[in-house]
Amino acid sequence: MAAMTQPGSDPTSDPTAPPAPVGPRRQARALGGTVGSGLSWLMVATLAVKAFSVVNIAVLGVLLSKEDFGIFATAIGVAALVNVLRDGGVRRILVQKGSSRYAGLIGPVYAMTVLLNLLAAVALIALGPAMAWFHHDQRFVAVMGTLGLAAAFYGPGMIYRAKLSMDFRYKAVAGLNAAAALVHYASMIALAYFGAGPLTFTVSLVIVALFEWGLGMVLTRDPLLRIRLRLRLWPALWARAKWLILSALALALLRQGDYLVLGFLLDPRIIGIYAFAYMIAAQVLGLVAGNLQQVLMPAMSAFQHDRTRHARAALRVSGAIVLVASGLAGGIAVVIDPLQQLIWGGKWTAAVPAAQALALCFGFRLLVTVQESALSSTGRFREQFVAIFLQGIGMVVVAGVAGALFPREPGLIAFAIGLYIAIGVSAVAGWGLSRVGVQPVAFFGAIVRPWGVLTVLALALITADMAIQARGLEAWTNHPLLRIAALGPIYAIIALVSVRLLLAPLLRDIVTIVPARLRGPASRVMLLGKAQNSVANASASSTLP
């Protein structure tokens, strides 16, 4: 078993010792080649399930009530604080040390993960009655109980995914992600159809956790049974993990801090509207964030000893992901109003402004992923905690103030939170990346330009559409399907032309990570010339291209 032996190594050596550096040429290939091909495989898999994701949201929007969404949002906000115990950060240590240390570390890492999973499960189940009493709704007992079961089964799938990423088996990771997503969506639709209500969201998490456990075992051929606990390593692992645990807590505040605070301030129907808008806007994050994290962390760990290349690659990735996310977000913001009319017949009209405000700013949330990968891959766990803590506390404060000022206006709440993400989260991310050598001026130049170009375009089209609807020119101009057919292509065409004319260097960076067979045609379509691996050659120039 791979978990038992490590050919050519000293079994008495300390697996937590820093790995030996490798040459810069190999480092460049590791970051450029693996990030490019790995992210492309993961993006292809994600695109394959996004159609089902849209169907899932459409069906849930019909079958579930605003209160169902509100109960789940309130529960997941509280559960997020407990779920930081699910692995205690030790999984990141496993990835950061690389596959060469896997055999020596998997025993204590897996044992600690299982222990923490069980602690989280007990805490979540115990919170159920308390939340039912506070909110005067007994449904919270079952909701929190099923969240606890999901936490108990979460560990194995997480370890298997980390192992596949460490071995750069991105095709397998893509397959695991796609299959798990399909199971998740299918189970939610089935549960909603049979009247599960808010349990639709939580029972499906239990199903997915069990599915990932089984499929991960098949892909790695490792049942995680024949492992050594190596108790002597536990103190060292805990010492390294403490900052990661605190970072996980801070990250929970950033990701679900708004749900946590708003769940205690707002009526369930109001937070349900906000949660539905968040789900729509989060399509931007779902397409890029998880895949980016699984590729960047192991690749940057292999590149950690060359500060210059590491910093320049982080800078290029920051600009490229904001460009991709802003393009997707603009498309969502432009068509969500007529789409809502077409699919839900006005049921979620109040969620439209909130979804637009969140979507247009969510691209900056992805910078947290780059920040985490850059700092963790170089062992800067303390700086990582400080950065995420500031971002998380800011989210809680802004959500609390906005909820208190606008308790009946989910659109204004979302606008305040989106503005904080655009300004506050990105500012702290700039500070975090400066710790690994990224210049703040270059960083903000790389992210503001693509966001500004695409956001101005989206806002212009939204304003024009609102003006046409207000004037009521012809009845046919109000038909949702016609509005989608007009707004979607217009936005796509103008966005592509604008990006090609104004942001060609960043577009070249994006072209380098598409699948190899499509790279040449994509370059020719966008008139970019011969595609080059600009990420792998990040050290070739001293400034952003």
Protein backbone atom coordinates (compact mmCIF):
# COMPACT_ATOMS: atom_id res chain seq x y z
CA MET A 1 0.00 0.00 0.00
CA ALA A 2 1.16 3.50 -0.84
CA ALA A 3 0.17 4.57 2.63
CA MET A 4 2.55 2.09 4.23
CA THR A 5 5.77 2.37 2.27
CA GLN A 6 7.86 5.06 0.65
CA PRO A 7 10.47 3.56 -1.67
CA GLY A 8 13.92 4.98 -1.24
CA SER A 9 13.18 6.82 1.99
CA ASP A 10 14.29 6.47 5.57
CA PRO A 11 11.29 5.27 7.58
CA THR A 12 12.61 7.01 10.68
CA SER A 13 12.86 10.43 9.04
CA ASP A 14 10.53 13.22 10.12
CA PRO A 15 7.84 13.68 7.45
CA THR A 16 7.15 17.22 8.65
CA ALA A 17 10.63 18.37 7.65
CA PRO A 18 10.68 20.84 4.71
CA PRO A 19 10.99 19.10 1.35
CA ALA A 20 14.22 19.51 -0.56
CA PRO A 21 14.13 22.20 -3.26
CA VAL A 22 14.01 21.28 -6.90
CA GLY A 23 15.52 23.10 -9.88
CA PRO A 24 13.88 26.19 -11.37
CA ARG A 25 13.27 24.52 -14.73
CA ARG A 26 11.34 21.72 -13.08
CA GLN A 27 9.50 24.23 -10.90
CA ALA A 28 8.41 26.20 -13.94
CA ARG A 29 7.10 23.06 -15.60
CA ALA A 30 5.31 22.07 -12.37
CA LEU A 31 3.49 25.38 -12.04
CA GLY A 32 2.90 26.19 -15.68
CA GLY A 33 2.17 22.74 -17.01
CA THR A 34 0.18 21.39 -14.08
CA VAL A 35 -1.83 24.55 -13.46
CA GLY A 36 -2.61 24.84 -17.15
CA SER A 37 -3.57 21.25 -17.94
CA GLY A 38 -4.95 20.57 -14.48
CA LEU A 39 -7.21 23.60 -14.39
CA SER A 40 -8.40 22.93 -17.94
CA TRP A 41 -9.48 19.40 -17.05
CA LEU A 42 -11.26 20.62 -13.95
CA MET A 43 -12.92 23.46 -15.84
CA VAL A 44 -14.16 21.05 -18.51
CA ALA A 45 -15.65 18.81 -15.83
CA THR A 46 -17.26 21.78 -14.12
CA LEU A 47 -18.75 23.06 -17.36
CA ALA A 48 -20.18 19.61 -17.96
CA VAL A 49 -22.23 19.75 -14.75
CA LYS A 50 -23.17 23.43 -14.92
CA ALA A 51 -26.13 22.68 -17.17
CA PHE A 52 -27.45 20.36 -14.48
CA SER A 53 -26.73 23.04 -11.89
CA VAL A 54 -28.97 25.49 -13.74
CA VAL A 55 -31.71 22.85 -13.90
CA ASN A 56 -31.23 22.22 -10.18
CA ILE A 57 -31.66 25.89 -9.26
CA ALA A 58 -34.68 26.19 -11.56
CA VAL A 59 -36.40 23.18 -9.98
CA LEU A 60 -35.58 24.15 -6.39
CA GLY A 61 -36.88 27.67 -7.08
CA VAL A 62 -40.21 26.15 -8.08
CA LEU A 63 -40.54 23.40 -5.45
CA LEU A 64 -39.13 25.10 -2.36
CA SER A 65 -40.39 28.15 -0.51
CA LYS A 66 -38.53 31.27 0.57
CA GLU A 67 -38.80 29.98 4.14
CA ASP A 68 -37.12 26.68 3.18
CA PHE A 69 -34.15 28.61 1.81
CA GLY A 70 -34.12 30.82 4.90
CA ILE A 71 -34.03 27.91 7.36
CA PHE A 72 -31.15 26.29 5.51
CA ALA A 73 -29.20 29.57 5.27
CA THR A 74 -29.61 30.16 9.01
CA ALA A 75 -28.53 26.61 9.84
CA ILE A 76 -25.51 26.59 7.53
CA GLY A 77 -24.35 29.92 8.97
CA VAL A 78 -24.11 28.38 12.45
CA ALA A 79 -22.78 25.05 11.14
CA ALA A 80 -19.94 26.83 9.35
CA LEU A 81 -18.34 27.71 12.69
CA VAL A 82 -18.43 24.08 13.82
CA ASN A 83 -17.31 22.62 10.52
CA VAL A 84 -13.85 24.16 10.93
CA LEU A 85 -13.18 21.04 13.01
CA ARG A 86 -13.75 18.75 10.04
CA ASP A 87 -10.03 18.40 9.37
CA GLY A 88 -8.38 20.96 11.63
CA GLY A 89 -6.21 22.15 8.77
CA VAL A 90 -4.06 19.02 8.75
CA ARG A 91 -5.11 18.20 5.18
CA ARG A 92 -3.37 21.38 4.03
CA ILE A 93 -0.18 20.25 5.72
CA LEU A 94 -0.44 16.96 3.85
CA VAL A 95 -0.77 18.77 0.51
CA GLN A 96 1.90 21.33 1.32
CA LYS A 97 4.45 18.60 2.08
CA GLY A 98 3.81 16.90 -1.24
CA SER A 99 3.45 13.30 -2.35
CA SER A 100 6.96 12.40 -1.16
CA ARG A 101 5.76 12.81 2.46
CA TYR A 102 2.36 11.18 1.97
CA ALA A 103 3.28 7.71 3.27
CA GLY A 104 4.63 9.06 6.54
CA LEU A 105 1.88 11.58 7.18
CA ILE A 106 -1.31 9.88 6.02
CA GLY A 107 -1.71 7.83 9.22
CA PRO A 108 -1.79 10.67 11.75
CA VAL A 109 -3.52 13.05 9.32
CA TYR A 110 -6.36 10.63 8.64
CA ALA A 111 -6.77 9.67 12.30
CA MET A 112 -6.89 13.31 13.37
CA THR A 113 -9.36 14.07 10.57
CA VAL A 114 -11.75 11.29 11.66
CA LEU A 115 -11.55 12.41 15.28
CA LEU A 116 -12.31 16.02 14.39
CA ASN A 117 -15.15 14.94 12.07
CA LEU A 118 -16.82 13.11 14.93
CA LEU A 119 -16.42 16.08 17.27
CA ALA A 120 -18.01 18.35 14.67
CA ALA A 121 -20.87 15.90 14.18
CA VAL A 122 -21.65 15.74 17.90
CA ALA A 123 -21.56 19.55 18.20
CA LEU A 124 -23.89 20.07 15.23
CA ILE A 125 -26.42 17.51 16.45
CA ALA A 126 -26.36 19.07 19.94
CA LEU A 127 -27.05 22.54 18.50
CA GLY A 128 -30.29 21.40 16.86
CA PRO A 129 -32.58 21.70 19.92
CA ALA A 130 -31.06 25.05 20.89
CA MET A 131 -31.68 26.53 17.46
CA ALA A 132 -35.21 25.10 17.40
CA TRP A 133 -35.89 26.84 20.71
CA PHE A 134 -34.39 30.17 19.62
CA HIS A 135 -36.18 30.30 16.26
CA HIS A 136 -39.39 28.61 17.50
CA ASP A 137 -39.16 26.04 14.71
CA GLN A 138 -38.63 22.32 15.41
CA ARG A 139 -37.40 21.71 11.87
CA PHE A 140 -33.97 22.92 12.98
CA VAL A 141 -33.51 19.70 15.00
CA ALA A 142 -33.59 17.54 11.86
CA VAL A 143 -31.68 20.08 9.76
CA MET A 144 -28.79 20.33 12.21
CA GLY A 145 -28.85 16.58 12.81
CA THR A 146 -28.37 15.79 9.13
CA LEU A 147 -25.63 18.41 8.90
CA GLY A 148 -23.94 16.52 11.73
CA LEU A 149 -24.18 13.23 9.85
CA ALA A 150 -22.65 14.85 6.78
CA ALA A 151 -19.75 16.13 8.88
CA ALA A 152 -19.16 12.65 10.30
CA PHE A 153 -18.72 11.15 6.82
CA TYR A 154 -16.83 14.07 5.29
CA GLY A 155 -13.22 13.07 6.05
CA PRO A 156 -12.42 10.17 3.69
CA GLY A 157 -13.59 11.95 0.54
CA MET A 158 -11.55 15.00 1.48
CA ILE A 159 -8.40 12.90 1.99
CA TYR A 160 -8.92 11.08 -1.31
CA ARG A 161 -9.33 14.35 -3.19
CA ALA A 162 -6.14 15.70 -1.60
CA LYS A 163 -4.24 12.54 -2.58
CA LEU A 164 -5.36 12.78 -6.21
CA SER A 165 -4.36 16.46 -6.37
CA MET A 166 -0.97 15.76 -4.80
CA ASP A 167 -0.31 13.13 -7.47
CA PHE A 168 -1.41 15.62 -10.18
CA ARG A 169 -4.16 13.22 -11.27
CA TYR A 170 -6.40 16.02 -12.39
CA LYS A 171 -8.46 13.88 -14.74
CA ALA A 172 -9.44 11.76 -11.75
CA VAL A 173 -10.15 14.86 -9.66
CA ALA A 174 -12.30 16.21 -12.48
CA GLY A 175 -14.21 12.95 -12.65
CA LEU A 176 -14.73 12.89 -8.88
CA ASN A 177 -15.92 16.50 -8.84
CA ALA A 178 -18.31 15.99 -11.75
CA ALA A 179 -19.78 12.76 -10.40
CA ALA A 180 -20.22 14.20 -6.90
CA ALA A 181 -21.90 17.31 -8.30
CA LEU A 182 -24.32 15.27 -10.37
CA VAL A 183 -25.21 13.10 -7.37
CA HIS A 184 -25.69 16.23 -5.26
CA TYR A 185 -27.99 17.94 -7.76
CA ALA A 186 -30.00 14.79 -8.51
CA SER A 187 -30.52 14.05 -4.83
CA MET A 188 -31.64 17.61 -4.11
CA ILE A 189 -34.17 17.55 -6.93
CA ALA A 190 -35.54 14.20 -5.76
CA LEU A 191 -35.75 15.31 -2.13
CA ALA A 192 -37.46 18.58 -3.04
CA TYR A 193 -39.94 16.75 -5.25
CA PHE A 194 -40.93 14.43 -2.41
CA GLY A 195 -41.48 17.36 -0.03
CA ALA A 196 -38.31 17.34 2.10
CA GLY A 197 -38.36 21.13 2.47
CA PRO A 198 -35.18 22.50 4.09
CA LEU A 199 -33.91 18.92 4.54
CA THR A 200 -33.44 18.93 0.77
CA PHE A 201 -30.13 20.72 1.26
CA THR A 202 -28.81 18.76 4.24
CA VAL A 203 -29.77 15.16 3.46
CA SER A 204 -28.17 15.58 0.02
CA LEU A 205 -24.89 16.48 1.77
CA VAL A 206 -24.95 13.14 3.60
CA ILE A 207 -25.51 11.31 0.31
CA VAL A 208 -22.64 13.16 -1.38
CA ALA A 209 -20.23 12.53 1.51
CA LEU A 210 -20.88 8.78 1.33
CA PHE A 211 -20.59 8.80 -2.46
CA GLU A 212 -17.23 10.63 -2.41
CA TRP A 213 -15.94 8.16 0.17
CA GLY A 214 -16.75 5.21 -2.08
CA LEU A 215 -15.60 6.72 -5.37
CA GLY A 216 -12.41 8.09 -3.81
CA MET A 217 -11.56 4.62 -2.55
CA VAL A 218 -12.02 3.23 -6.07
CA LEU A 219 -9.89 5.93 -7.70
CA THR A 220 -6.99 5.72 -5.22
CA ARG A 221 -7.31 1.99 -4.45
CA ASP A 222 -6.58 2.87 -0.85
CA PRO A 223 -9.20 1.93 1.77
CA LEU A 224 -7.32 3.96 4.40
CA LEU A 225 -7.24 0.95 6.70
CA ARG A 226 -3.58 -0.10 6.84
CA ILE A 227 -2.14 3.06 8.32
CA ARG A 228 0.11 3.87 11.25
CA LEU A 229 -1.02 6.44 13.78
CA ARG A 230 2.56 7.64 14.51
CA LEU A 231 1.45 9.42 17.66
CA ARG A 232 4.86 11.05 18.07
CA LEU A 233 4.04 13.29 15.10
CA TRP A 234 0.75 14.55 16.49
CA PRO A 235 2.23 17.42 18.56
CA ALA A 236 4.17 18.71 15.55
CA LEU A 237 1.10 18.45 13.33
CA TRP A 238 -1.04 20.27 15.88
CA ALA A 239 1.57 22.99 16.22
CA ARG A 240 1.47 23.57 12.47
CA ALA A 241 -2.30 23.14 12.25
CA LYS A 242 -3.27 25.73 14.87
CA TRP A 243 -3.00 28.62 12.42
CA LEU A 244 -4.87 26.59 9.82
CA ILE A 245 -7.68 25.89 12.29
CA LEU A 246 -7.95 29.59 13.05
CA SER A 247 -7.79 30.34 9.33
CA ALA A 248 -10.61 27.87 8.71
CA LEU A 249 -12.69 29.65 11.35
CA ALA A 250 -11.98 33.01 9.75
CA LEU A 251 -12.77 31.59 6.30
CA ALA A 252 -16.10 30.31 7.63
CA LEU A 253 -16.90 33.86 8.71
CA LEU A 254 -16.05 35.12 5.23
CA ARG A 255 -18.08 32.45 3.41
CA GLN A 256 -21.09 32.14 5.71
CA GLY A 257 -20.70 35.04 8.11
CA ASP A 258 -23.50 36.85 6.32
CA TYR A 259 -25.86 33.90 6.85
CA LEU A 260 -24.75 33.63 10.48
CA VAL A 261 -25.59 37.26 11.30
CA LEU A 262 -28.61 37.70 9.05
CA GLY A 263 -30.17 34.49 10.38
CA PHE A 264 -30.54 36.18 13.77
CA LEU A 265 -31.67 39.56 12.37
CA LEU A 266 -34.05 38.84 9.50
CA ASP A 267 -37.34 37.13 8.94
CA PRO A 268 -36.80 33.65 7.40
CA ARG A 269 -38.51 34.74 4.18
CA ILE A 270 -36.18 37.73 3.76
CA ILE A 271 -33.03 35.74 4.36
CA GLY A 272 -34.51 33.11 2.05
CA ILE A 273 -34.63 35.69 -0.75
CA TYR A 274 -31.04 36.67 -0.02
CA ALA A 275 -29.96 33.01 0.07
CA PHE A 276 -31.60 32.29 -3.28
CA ALA A 277 -29.88 35.34 -4.81
CA TYR A 278 -26.59 34.15 -3.32
CA MET A 279 -27.10 30.70 -4.86
CA ILE A 280 -27.53 32.27 -8.31
CA ALA A 281 -24.56 34.60 -7.94
CA ALA A 282 -22.40 31.81 -6.53
CA GLN A 283 -22.45 30.09 -9.91
CA VAL A 284 -19.41 32.30 -10.62
CA LEU A 285 -17.60 30.86 -7.60
CA GLY A 286 -18.69 27.29 -8.26
CA LEU A 287 -17.28 27.34 -11.76
CA VAL A 288 -13.81 28.49 -10.80
CA ALA A 289 -13.05 28.52 -7.07
CA GLY A 290 -13.01 24.86 -6.02
CA ASN A 291 -11.14 23.79 -9.13
CA LEU A 292 -8.61 26.59 -8.76
CA GLN A 293 -7.90 25.63 -5.15
CA GLN A 294 -7.25 21.98 -5.99
CA VAL A 295 -4.79 22.93 -8.76
CA LEU A 296 -2.98 25.94 -7.29
CA MET A 297 -2.08 24.60 -3.84
CA PRO A 298 -0.09 21.51 -4.91
CA ALA A 299 1.42 23.27 -7.93
CA MET A 300 2.56 26.32 -5.93
CA SER A 301 3.97 24.05 -3.24
CA ALA A 302 6.34 22.63 -5.86
CA PHE A 303 7.30 26.21 -6.77
CA GLN A 304 7.67 27.63 -3.27
CA HIS A 305 11.45 28.03 -3.23
CA ASP A 306 11.62 30.49 -6.14
CA ARG A 307 10.10 33.69 -4.75
CA THR A 308 10.23 35.62 -8.02
CA ARG A 309 8.45 33.06 -10.17
CA HIS A 310 6.01 32.28 -7.37
CA ALA A 311 5.01 35.95 -7.04
CA ARG A 312 4.70 36.60 -10.76
CA ALA A 313 2.60 33.49 -11.28
CA ALA A 314 0.27 34.55 -8.43
CA LEU A 315 -0.07 37.97 -10.04
CA ARG A 316 -0.99 36.55 -13.44
CA VAL A 317 -3.43 34.07 -11.95
CA SER A 318 -5.14 36.89 -10.01
CA GLY A 319 -5.74 38.93 -13.12
CA ALA A 320 -6.85 35.95 -15.18
CA ILE A 321 -9.42 34.63 -12.69
CA VAL A 322 -10.93 38.08 -12.13
CA LEU A 323 -11.30 38.41 -15.89
CA VAL A 324 -13.02 35.01 -16.20
CA ALA A 325 -15.22 35.55 -13.14
CA SER A 326 -16.22 39.08 -14.15
CA GLY A 327 -17.19 37.88 -17.60
CA LEU A 328 -19.41 35.15 -16.19
CA ALA A 329 -20.82 37.47 -13.52
CA GLY A 330 -21.73 40.10 -16.08
CA GLY A 331 -23.66 37.52 -18.09
CA ILE A 332 -25.59 36.41 -15.00
CA ALA A 333 -26.40 39.99 -13.99
CA VAL A 334 -27.62 40.94 -17.47
CA VAL A 335 -30.05 38.05 -18.02
CA ILE A 336 -31.22 37.20 -14.49
CA ASP A 337 -34.30 39.47 -14.57
CA PRO A 338 -35.89 38.06 -17.75
CA LEU A 339 -34.69 34.58 -16.77
CA GLN A 340 -36.48 34.89 -13.45
CA GLN A 341 -39.64 35.97 -15.22
CA LEU A 342 -39.42 33.08 -17.67
CA ILE A 343 -38.70 30.27 -15.17
CA TRP A 344 -40.33 31.36 -11.92
CA GLY A 345 -43.00 33.75 -13.16
CA GLY A 346 -42.08 36.56 -10.79
CA LYS A 347 -41.79 34.43 -7.62
CA TRP A 348 -38.19 35.57 -7.08
CA THR A 349 -38.43 39.16 -8.39
CA ALA A 350 -37.15 40.49 -5.06
CA ALA A 351 -33.99 38.38 -5.47
CA VAL A 352 -32.97 39.96 -8.80
CA PRO A 353 -31.22 43.13 -7.47
CA ALA A 354 -29.49 41.06 -4.79
CA ALA A 355 -28.26 38.49 -7.32
CA GLN A 356 -26.97 41.24 -9.62
CA ALA A 357 -25.12 43.06 -6.81
CA LEU A 358 -23.49 39.88 -5.50
CA ALA A 359 -22.61 38.44 -8.91
CA LEU A 360 -20.86 41.59 -10.13
CA CYS A 361 -18.57 41.57 -7.09
CA PHE A 362 -18.04 37.85 -6.50
CA GLY A 363 -15.02 37.75 -8.81
CA PHE A 364 -13.03 39.39 -6.04
CA ARG A 365 -13.96 36.54 -3.66
CA LEU A 366 -11.85 34.26 -5.84
CA LEU A 367 -8.77 36.25 -4.86
CA VAL A 368 -9.04 34.62 -1.44
CA THR A 369 -8.29 31.29 -3.14
CA VAL A 370 -5.11 32.69 -4.70
CA GLN A 371 -4.19 34.30 -1.39
CA GLU A 372 -4.68 31.00 0.48
CA SER A 373 -2.70 28.97 -2.04
CA ALA A 374 0.18 31.45 -2.23
CA LEU A 375 0.56 31.76 1.55
CA SER A 376 -0.08 28.10 2.44
CA SER A 377 2.24 26.77 -0.24
CA THR A 378 5.10 28.74 1.30
CA GLY A 379 4.23 27.80 4.89
CA ARG A 380 3.03 31.32 5.85
CA PHE A 381 0.16 30.02 7.93
CA ARG A 382 0.19 32.94 10.37
CA GLU A 383 -0.10 35.54 7.61
CA GLN A 384 -2.81 33.41 6.03
CA PHE A 385 -4.80 33.50 9.27
CA VAL A 386 -4.38 37.25 9.70
CA ALA A 387 -5.57 37.94 6.14
CA ILE A 388 -8.62 35.68 6.27
CA PHE A 389 -9.47 36.82 9.81
CA LEU A 390 -9.64 40.44 8.67
CA GLN A 391 -11.75 39.47 5.67
CA GLY A 392 -14.10 37.31 7.77
CA ILE A 393 -14.59 39.87 10.54
CA GLY A 394 -15.29 42.50 7.90
CA MET A 395 -17.99 40.30 6.36
CA VAL A 396 -19.70 39.79 9.74
CA VAL A 397 -19.62 43.52 10.56
CA VAL A 398 -20.91 44.64 7.16
CA ALA A 399 -23.65 42.00 7.11
CA GLY A 400 -24.72 42.96 10.64
CA VAL A 401 -24.88 46.68 9.90
CA ALA A 402 -26.67 46.15 6.58
CA GLY A 403 -29.18 43.74 8.15
CA ALA A 404 -29.91 46.18 10.97
CA LEU A 405 -30.34 49.15 8.60
CA PHE A 406 -32.31 47.37 5.86
CA PRO A 407 -34.16 44.45 7.51
CA ARG A 408 -36.75 44.26 4.71
CA GLU A 409 -34.48 45.02 1.73
CA PRO A 410 -32.38 42.02 0.60
CA GLY A 411 -31.19 43.99 -2.44
CA LEU A 412 -29.61 46.73 -0.33
CA ILE A 413 -28.09 44.16 2.00
CA ALA A 414 -26.53 42.38 -0.97
CA PHE A 415 -25.25 45.68 -2.38
CA ALA A 416 -23.47 46.49 0.89
CA ILE A 417 -21.93 43.02 1.08
CA GLY A 418 -20.90 43.10 -2.59
CA LEU A 419 -19.25 46.49 -2.11
CA TYR A 420 -17.32 45.12 0.85
CA ILE A 421 -16.13 42.13 -1.19
CA ALA A 422 -14.96 44.42 -4.00
CA ILE A 423 -13.09 46.83 -1.73
CA GLY A 424 -12.35 45.17 1.59
CA VAL A 425 -11.68 41.58 0.57
CA SER A 426 -9.53 42.55 -2.42
CA ALA A 427 -7.53 45.05 -0.34
CA VAL A 428 -6.64 42.40 2.25
CA ALA A 429 -5.85 39.91 -0.53
CA GLY A 430 -3.41 42.46 -1.93
CA TRP A 431 -1.72 42.68 1.45
CA GLY A 432 -1.56 38.89 1.74
CA LEU A 433 0.00 38.46 -1.68
CA SER A 434 2.49 41.22 -0.91
CA ARG A 435 3.91 38.84 1.71
CA VAL A 436 5.02 36.52 -1.10
CA GLY A 437 6.48 39.31 -3.22
CA VAL A 438 3.52 40.57 -5.30
CA GLN A 439 3.68 44.36 -5.71
CA PRO A 440 0.40 46.02 -4.59
CA VAL A 441 0.30 48.47 -7.51
CA ALA A 442 0.71 45.67 -10.05
CA PHE A 443 -1.85 43.54 -8.20
CA PHE A 444 -4.60 46.15 -8.18
CA GLY A 445 -3.85 47.08 -11.76
CA ALA A 446 -4.24 43.42 -12.74
CA ILE A 447 -7.64 42.97 -11.08
CA VAL A 448 -9.33 46.38 -11.46
CA ARG A 449 -8.95 46.65 -15.24
CA PRO A 450 -10.82 43.46 -16.22
CA TRP A 451 -13.47 43.95 -13.56
CA GLY A 452 -14.04 47.57 -14.53
CA VAL A 453 -14.37 46.88 -18.26
CA LEU A 454 -16.85 44.02 -17.90
CA THR A 455 -18.84 45.49 -15.02
CA VAL A 456 -19.39 48.81 -16.81
CA LEU A 457 -20.62 46.89 -19.85
CA ALA A 458 -23.02 44.79 -17.76
CA LEU A 459 -24.40 47.83 -15.93
CA ALA A 460 -24.90 49.67 -19.21
CA LEU A 461 -26.95 46.81 -20.66
CA ILE A 462 -28.98 46.43 -17.45
CA THR A 463 -29.75 50.16 -17.51
CA ALA A 464 -30.74 50.08 -21.17
CA ASP A 465 -33.03 47.09 -20.57
CA MET A 466 -34.68 48.83 -17.62
CA ALA A 467 -35.23 51.95 -19.71
CA ILE A 468 -36.89 49.96 -22.48
CA GLN A 469 -39.16 48.20 -19.99
CA ALA A 470 -40.07 51.49 -18.32
CA ARG A 471 -41.06 53.12 -21.60
CA GLY A 472 -43.12 50.11 -22.65
CA LEU A 473 -42.40 50.56 -26.36
CA GLU A 474 -44.00 47.41 -27.74
CA ALA A 475 -45.53 44.45 -25.99
CA TRP A 476 -43.14 42.05 -27.67
CA THR A 477 -40.12 43.84 -26.20
CA ASN A 478 -41.23 42.74 -22.73
CA HIS A 479 -41.22 39.02 -23.48
CA PRO A 480 -38.61 37.36 -21.23
CA LEU A 481 -37.39 34.94 -23.88
CA LEU A 482 -36.81 37.73 -26.38
CA ARG A 483 -34.99 39.81 -23.79
CA ILE A 484 -32.69 36.89 -22.99
CA ALA A 485 -32.08 36.24 -26.70
CA ALA A 486 -31.12 39.87 -27.20
CA LEU A 487 -29.22 40.70 -24.00
CA GLY A 488 -27.15 37.51 -23.83
CA PRO A 489 -25.55 37.64 -27.29
CA ILE A 490 -25.10 41.42 -27.18
CA TYR A 491 -23.25 41.18 -23.88
CA ALA A 492 -21.14 38.23 -25.06
CA ILE A 493 -20.08 39.89 -28.32
CA ILE A 494 -19.25 43.28 -26.82
CA ALA A 495 -17.45 41.64 -23.90
CA LEU A 496 -15.26 39.51 -26.16
CA VAL A 497 -14.39 42.46 -28.39
CA SER A 498 -13.63 44.68 -25.38
CA VAL A 499 -11.44 42.04 -23.75
CA ARG A 500 -9.55 41.44 -27.01
CA LEU A 501 -8.90 45.14 -27.56
CA LEU A 502 -8.24 46.25 -23.99
CA LEU A 503 -7.08 43.15 -22.12
CA ALA A 504 -5.22 41.02 -24.66
CA PRO A 505 -2.33 40.01 -22.31
CA LEU A 506 -4.73 38.62 -19.72
CA LEU A 507 -6.68 36.89 -22.46
CA ARG A 508 -3.47 35.14 -23.56
CA ASP A 509 -2.99 33.88 -20.01
CA ILE A 510 -6.47 32.39 -20.08
CA VAL A 511 -5.95 30.76 -23.48
CA THR A 512 -2.92 28.91 -22.14
CA ILE A 513 -5.06 26.92 -19.67
CA VAL A 514 -7.70 25.67 -22.09
CA PRO A 515 -7.31 22.04 -23.27
CA ALA A 516 -4.36 21.67 -25.65
CA ARG A 517 -6.49 20.73 -28.66
CA LEU A 518 -8.55 23.90 -28.30
CA ARG A 519 -5.67 26.26 -27.52
CA GLY A 520 -4.71 26.92 -31.14
CA PRO A 521 -8.26 27.46 -32.44
CA ALA A 522 -9.06 29.71 -29.45
CA SER A 523 -5.98 31.83 -30.16
CA ARG A 524 -6.92 32.17 -33.82
CA VAL A 525 -10.51 33.08 -33.07
CA MET A 526 -9.40 35.81 -30.68
CA LEU A 527 -6.62 36.91 -33.10
CA LEU A 528 -3.98 36.35 -30.43
CA GLY A 529 -1.38 34.64 -32.55
CA LYS A 530 0.47 31.57 -31.31
CA ALA A 531 -0.53 30.53 -27.78
CA GLN A 532 2.26 30.36 -25.27
CA ASN A 533 2.38 29.11 -21.72
CA SER A 534 2.66 32.50 -20.08
CA VAL A 535 2.17 31.06 -16.61
CA ALA A 536 5.09 28.72 -16.94
CA ASN A 537 7.21 31.55 -18.27
CA ALA A 538 6.10 33.99 -15.60
CA SER A 539 9.67 34.91 -14.83
CA ALA A 540 10.42 36.04 -18.36
CA SER A 541 9.37 39.61 -17.70
CA SER A 542 9.38 41.85 -14.67
CA THR A 543 5.94 43.33 -15.13
CA LEU A 544 2.48 42.09 -15.92
CA PRO A 545 2.33 41.47 -19.67
